[in-house]
């Protein structure tokens, strides 16, 4: 199984009528990030993680 986790960093927001678009209530900027996680027989693997040198 593969999951996409997409948190939105904002104080408060609203979902538009299309059920998909988000907007902050006060019009301020927000940040959205994503990680893709694969659940394998050996445990979870974060597919978007960067290797640290």
PDB file of N, CA and C in Angstrom:
ATOM      1  N   UNK A   1       0.853  -1.157   0.000  1.00  0.00           N
ATOM      2  CA  UNK A   1       0.000   0.000   0.000  1.00  0.00           C
ATOM      3  C   UNK A   1       0.904   1.226   0.000  1.00  0.00           C
ATOM      4  N   UNK A   2       0.489   2.254  -0.736  1.00  0.00           N
ATOM      5  CA  UNK A   2       1.234   3.517  -0.785  1.00  0.00           C
ATOM      6  C   UNK A   2       0.291   4.637  -0.384  1.00  0.00           C
ATOM      7  N   UNK A   3       0.760   5.494   0.528  1.00  0.00           N
ATOM      8  CA  UNK A   3      -0.036   6.623   1.012  1.00  0.00           C
ATOM      9  C   UNK A   3       0.675   7.928   0.705  1.00  0.00           C
ATOM     10  N   UNK A   4      -0.081   8.961   0.386  1.00  0.00           N
ATOM     11  CA  UNK A   4       0.458  10.313   0.241  1.00  0.00           C
ATOM     12  C   UNK A   4      -0.060  11.124   1.418  1.00  0.00           C
ATOM     13  N   UNK A   5       0.847  11.638   2.229  1.00  0.00           N
ATOM     14  CA  UNK A   5       0.492  12.444   3.394  1.00  0.00           C
ATOM     15  C   UNK A   5       0.790  13.889   3.044  1.00  0.00           C
ATOM     16  N   UNK A   6      -0.237  14.751   3.057  1.00  0.00           N
ATOM     17  CA  UNK A   6      -0.095  16.125   2.594  1.00  0.00           C
ATOM     18  C   UNK A   6      -0.636  17.118   3.625  1.00  0.00           C
ATOM     19  N   UNK A   7       0.127  17.423   4.669  1.00  0.00           N
ATOM     20  CA  UNK A   7      -0.356  18.407   5.639  1.00  0.00           C
ATOM     21  C   UNK A   7      -0.275  19.835   5.080  1.00  0.00           C
ATOM     22  N   UNK A   8      -1.165  20.676   5.545  1.00  0.00           N
ATOM     23  CA  UNK A   8      -1.180  22.095   5.180  1.00  0.00           C
ATOM     24  C   UNK A   8      -0.866  22.889   6.434  1.00  0.00           C
ATOM     25  N   UNK A   9       0.172  23.716   6.392  1.00  0.00           N
ATOM     26  CA  UNK A   9       0.554  24.539   7.532  1.00  0.00           C
ATOM     27  C   UNK A   9      -0.092  25.916   7.388  1.00  0.00           C
ATOM     28  N   UNK A  10      -1.158  26.136   8.135  1.00  0.00           N
ATOM     29  CA  UNK A  10      -1.872  27.410   8.119  1.00  0.00           C
ATOM     30  C   UNK A  10      -2.611  27.556   9.443  1.00  0.00           C
ATOM     31  N   UNK A  11      -2.906  28.794   9.806  1.00  0.00           N
ATOM     32  CA  UNK A  11      -3.650  29.008  11.053  1.00  0.00           C
ATOM     33  C   UNK A  11      -5.069  28.462  10.927  1.00  0.00           C
ATOM     34  N   UNK A  12      -5.813  28.928   9.984  1.00  0.00           N
ATOM     35  CA  UNK A  12      -7.159  28.429   9.704  1.00  0.00           C
ATOM     36  C   UNK A  12      -7.385  28.505   8.201  1.00  0.00           C
ATOM     37  N   UNK A  13      -8.185  27.602   7.676  1.00  0.00           N
ATOM     38  CA  UNK A  13      -8.448  27.624   6.248  1.00  0.00           C
ATOM     39  C   UNK A  13      -9.859  27.139   5.967  1.00  0.00           C
ATOM     40  N   UNK A  14     -10.284  27.338   4.732  1.00  0.00           N
ATOM     41  CA  UNK A  14     -11.612  26.911   4.300  1.00  0.00           C
ATOM     42  C   UNK A  14     -11.490  26.132   3.001  1.00  0.00           C
ATOM     43  N   UNK A  15     -12.385  25.189   2.810  1.00  0.00           N
ATOM     44  CA  UNK A  15     -12.422  24.398   1.583  1.00  0.00           C
ATOM     45  C   UNK A  15     -13.454  25.033   0.666  1.00  0.00           C
ATOM     46  N   UNK A  16     -13.076  25.260  -0.586  1.00  0.00           N
ATOM     47  CA  UNK A  16     -14.007  25.843  -1.547  1.00  0.00           C
ATOM     48  C   UNK A  16     -15.086  24.836  -1.938  1.00  0.00           C
ATOM     49  N   UNK A  17     -16.065  25.282  -2.662  1.00  0.00           N
ATOM     50  CA  UNK A  17     -17.208  24.454  -3.059  1.00  0.00           C
ATOM     51  C   UNK A  17     -16.805  23.262  -3.929  1.00  0.00           C
ATOM     52  N   UNK A  18     -15.635  23.337  -4.586  1.00  0.00           N
ATOM     53  CA  UNK A  18     -15.209  22.206  -5.420  1.00  0.00           C
ATOM     54  C   UNK A  18     -14.740  21.016  -4.587  1.00  0.00           C
ATOM     55  N   UNK A  19     -14.643  21.202  -3.246  1.00  0.00           N
ATOM     56  CA  UNK A  19     -14.258  20.119  -2.360  1.00  0.00           C
ATOM     57  C   UNK A  19     -12.773  19.808  -2.352  1.00  0.00           C
ATOM     58  N   UNK A  20     -11.967  20.608  -3.032  1.00  0.00           N
ATOM     59  CA  UNK A  20     -10.539  20.336  -3.174  1.00  0.00           C
ATOM     60  C   UNK A  20      -9.678  21.548  -2.837  1.00  0.00           C
ATOM     61  N   UNK A  21     -10.061  22.712  -3.337  1.00  0.00           N
ATOM     62  CA  UNK A  21      -9.265  23.924  -3.176  1.00  0.00           C
ATOM     63  C   UNK A  21      -9.339  24.430  -1.745  1.00  0.00           C
ATOM     64  N   UNK A  22      -8.174  24.785  -1.187  1.00  0.00           N
ATOM     65  CA  UNK A  22      -8.102  25.347   0.163  1.00  0.00           C
ATOM     66  C   UNK A  22      -7.620  26.786   0.083  1.00  0.00           C
ATOM     67  N   UNK A  23      -8.104  27.608   0.997  1.00  0.00           N
ATOM     68  CA  UNK A  23      -7.680  29.003   1.089  1.00  0.00           C
ATOM     69  C   UNK A  23      -7.618  29.378   2.552  1.00  0.00           C
ATOM     70  N   UNK A  24      -6.582  30.121   2.951  1.00  0.00           N
ATOM     71  CA  UNK A  24      -6.525  30.581   4.340  1.00  0.00           C
ATOM     72  C   UNK A  24      -7.630  31.602   4.568  1.00  0.00           C
ATOM     73  N   UNK A  25      -8.184  31.607   5.756  1.00  0.00           N
ATOM     74  CA  UNK A  25      -9.298  32.514   6.057  1.00  0.00           C
ATOM     75  C   UNK A  25      -8.897  33.982   5.960  1.00  0.00           C
ATOM     76  N   UNK A  26      -7.655  34.298   6.334  1.00  0.00           N
ATOM     77  CA  UNK A  26      -7.231  35.698   6.320  1.00  0.00           C
ATOM     78  C   UNK A  26      -6.431  36.076   5.081  1.00  0.00           C
ATOM     79  N   UNK A  27      -6.306  35.169   4.108  1.00  0.00           N
ATOM     80  CA  UNK A  27      -5.576  35.469   2.880  1.00  0.00           C
ATOM     81  C   UNK A  27      -4.065  35.391   3.014  1.00  0.00           C
ATOM     82  N   UNK A  28      -3.579  34.929   4.180  1.00  0.00           N
ATOM     83  CA  UNK A  28      -2.133  34.832   4.377  1.00  0.00           C
ATOM     84  C   UNK A  28      -1.565  33.638   3.609  1.00  0.00           C
ATOM     85  N   UNK A  29      -0.254  33.587   3.523  1.00  0.00           N
ATOM     86  CA  UNK A  29       0.410  32.484   2.841  1.00  0.00           C
ATOM     87  C   UNK A  29       0.395  31.235   3.718  1.00  0.00           C
ATOM     88  N   UNK A  30       0.442  30.101   3.068  1.00  0.00           N
ATOM     89  CA  UNK A  30       0.478  28.830   3.769  1.00  0.00           C
ATOM     90  C   UNK A  30       1.480  27.919   3.063  1.00  0.00           C
ATOM     91  N   UNK A  31       1.825  26.841   3.692  1.00  0.00           N
ATOM     92  CA  UNK A  31       2.762  25.885   3.097  1.00  0.00           C
ATOM     93  C   UNK A  31       2.122  24.507   3.057  1.00  0.00           C
ATOM     94  N   UNK A  32       2.369  23.797   1.988  1.00  0.00           N
ATOM     95  CA  UNK A  32       1.879  22.437   1.850  1.00  0.00           C
ATOM     96  C   UNK A  32       3.065  21.560   1.460  1.00  0.00           C
ATOM     97  N   UNK A  33       3.206  20.463   2.152  1.00  0.00           N
ATOM     98  CA  UNK A  33       4.285  19.525   1.866  1.00  0.00           C
ATOM     99  C   UNK A  33       3.691  18.138   1.662  1.00  0.00           C
ATOM    100  N   UNK A  34       4.468  17.258   1.070  1.00  0.00           N
ATOM    101  CA  UNK A  34       3.971  15.900   0.850  1.00  0.00           C
ATOM    102  C   UNK A  34       5.081  14.887   1.109  1.00  0.00           C
ATOM    103  N   UNK A  35       4.701  13.795   1.701  1.00  0.00           N
ATOM    104  CA  UNK A  35       5.571  12.626   1.794  1.00  0.00           C
ATOM    105  C   UNK A  35       4.789  11.438   1.282  1.00  0.00           C
ATOM    106  N   UNK A  36       5.452  10.595   0.527  1.00  0.00           N
ATOM    107  CA  UNK A  36       4.847   9.362   0.042  1.00  0.00           C
ATOM    108  C   UNK A  36       5.437   8.220   0.853  1.00  0.00           C
ATOM    109  N   UNK A  37       4.564   7.426   1.470  1.00  0.00           N
ATOM    110  CA  UNK A  37       4.986   6.334   2.336  1.00  0.00           C
ATOM    111  C   UNK A  37       4.471   5.017   1.761  1.00  0.00           C
ATOM    112  N   UNK A  38       5.372   4.069   1.564  1.00  0.00           N
ATOM    113  CA  UNK A  38       4.996   2.731   1.105  1.00  0.00           C
ATOM    114  C   UNK A  38       5.006   1.803   2.316  1.00  0.00           C
ATOM    115  N   UNK A  39       3.931   1.060   2.499  1.00  0.00           N
ATOM    116  CA  UNK A  39       3.858   0.081   3.570  1.00  0.00           C
ATOM    117  C   UNK A  39       4.265  -1.262   2.966  1.00  0.00           C
ATOM    118  N   UNK A  40       5.406  -1.794   3.410  1.00  0.00           N
ATOM    119  CA  UNK A  40       5.935  -3.040   2.852  1.00  0.00           C
ATOM    120  C   UNK A  40       5.939  -4.131   3.926  1.00  0.00           C
ATOM    121  N   UNK A  41       6.264  -5.338   3.531  1.00  0.00           N
ATOM    122  CA  UNK A  41       6.374  -6.439   4.489  1.00  0.00           C
ATOM    123  C   UNK A  41       7.470  -6.173   5.518  1.00  0.00           C
ATOM    124  N   UNK A  42       8.473  -5.367   5.153  1.00  0.00           N
ATOM    125  CA  UNK A  42       9.571  -5.026   6.063  1.00  0.00           C
ATOM    126  C   UNK A  42       9.296  -3.767   6.880  1.00  0.00           C
ATOM    127  N   UNK A  43       8.135  -3.188   6.734  1.00  0.00           N
ATOM    128  CA  UNK A  43       7.774  -1.978   7.471  1.00  0.00           C
ATOM    129  C   UNK A  43       7.587  -0.793   6.536  1.00  0.00           C
ATOM    130  N   UNK A  44       7.253   0.382   7.102  1.00  0.00           N
ATOM    131  CA  UNK A  44       7.023   1.573   6.273  1.00  0.00           C
ATOM    132  C   UNK A  44       8.334   2.104   5.687  1.00  0.00           C
ATOM    133  N   UNK A  45       8.246   2.608   4.451  1.00  0.00           N
ATOM    134  CA  UNK A  45       9.394   3.229   3.785  1.00  0.00           C
ATOM    135  C   UNK A  45       8.951   4.576   3.245  1.00  0.00           C
ATOM    136  N   UNK A  46       9.582   5.644   3.710  1.00  0.00           N
ATOM    137  CA  UNK A  46       9.263   6.986   3.229  1.00  0.00           C
ATOM    138  C   UNK A  46       9.972   7.157   1.892  1.00  0.00           C
ATOM    139  N   UNK A  47       9.200   7.192   0.826  1.00  0.00           N
ATOM    140  CA  UNK A  47       9.759   7.223  -0.521  1.00  0.00           C
ATOM    141  C   UNK A  47      10.291   8.606  -0.893  1.00  0.00           C
ATOM    142  N   UNK A  48       9.842   9.652  -0.228  1.00  0.00           N
ATOM    143  CA  UNK A  48      10.283  10.998  -0.563  1.00  0.00           C
ATOM    144  C   UNK A  48      11.388  11.498   0.371  1.00  0.00           C
ATOM    145  N   UNK A  49      11.861  10.656   1.281  1.00  0.00           N
ATOM    146  CA  UNK A  49      12.913  11.069   2.208  1.00  0.00           C
ATOM    147  C   UNK A  49      14.239  11.227   1.462  1.00  0.00           C
ATOM    148  N   UNK A  50      15.002  12.228   1.845  1.00  0.00           N
ATOM    149  CA  UNK A  50      16.323  12.445   1.260  1.00  0.00           C
ATOM    150  C   UNK A  50      17.356  11.741   2.134  1.00  0.00           C
ATOM    151  N   UNK A  51      18.354  11.217   1.491  1.00  0.00           N
ATOM    152  CA  UNK A  51      19.454  10.620   2.257  1.00  0.00           C
ATOM    153  C   UNK A  51      20.350  11.727   2.781  1.00  0.00           C
ATOM    154  N   UNK A  52      20.735  11.624   4.040  1.00  0.00           N
ATOM    155  CA  UNK A  52      21.612  12.621   4.652  1.00  0.00           C
ATOM    156  C   UNK A  52      23.047  12.145   4.486  1.00  0.00           C
ATOM    157  N   UNK A  53      23.918  12.987   3.899  1.00  0.00           N
ATOM    158  CA  UNK A  53      25.310  12.564   3.675  1.00  0.00           C
ATOM    159  C   UNK A  53      26.061  12.364   4.987  1.00  0.00           C
TER     160      UNK A  53
END
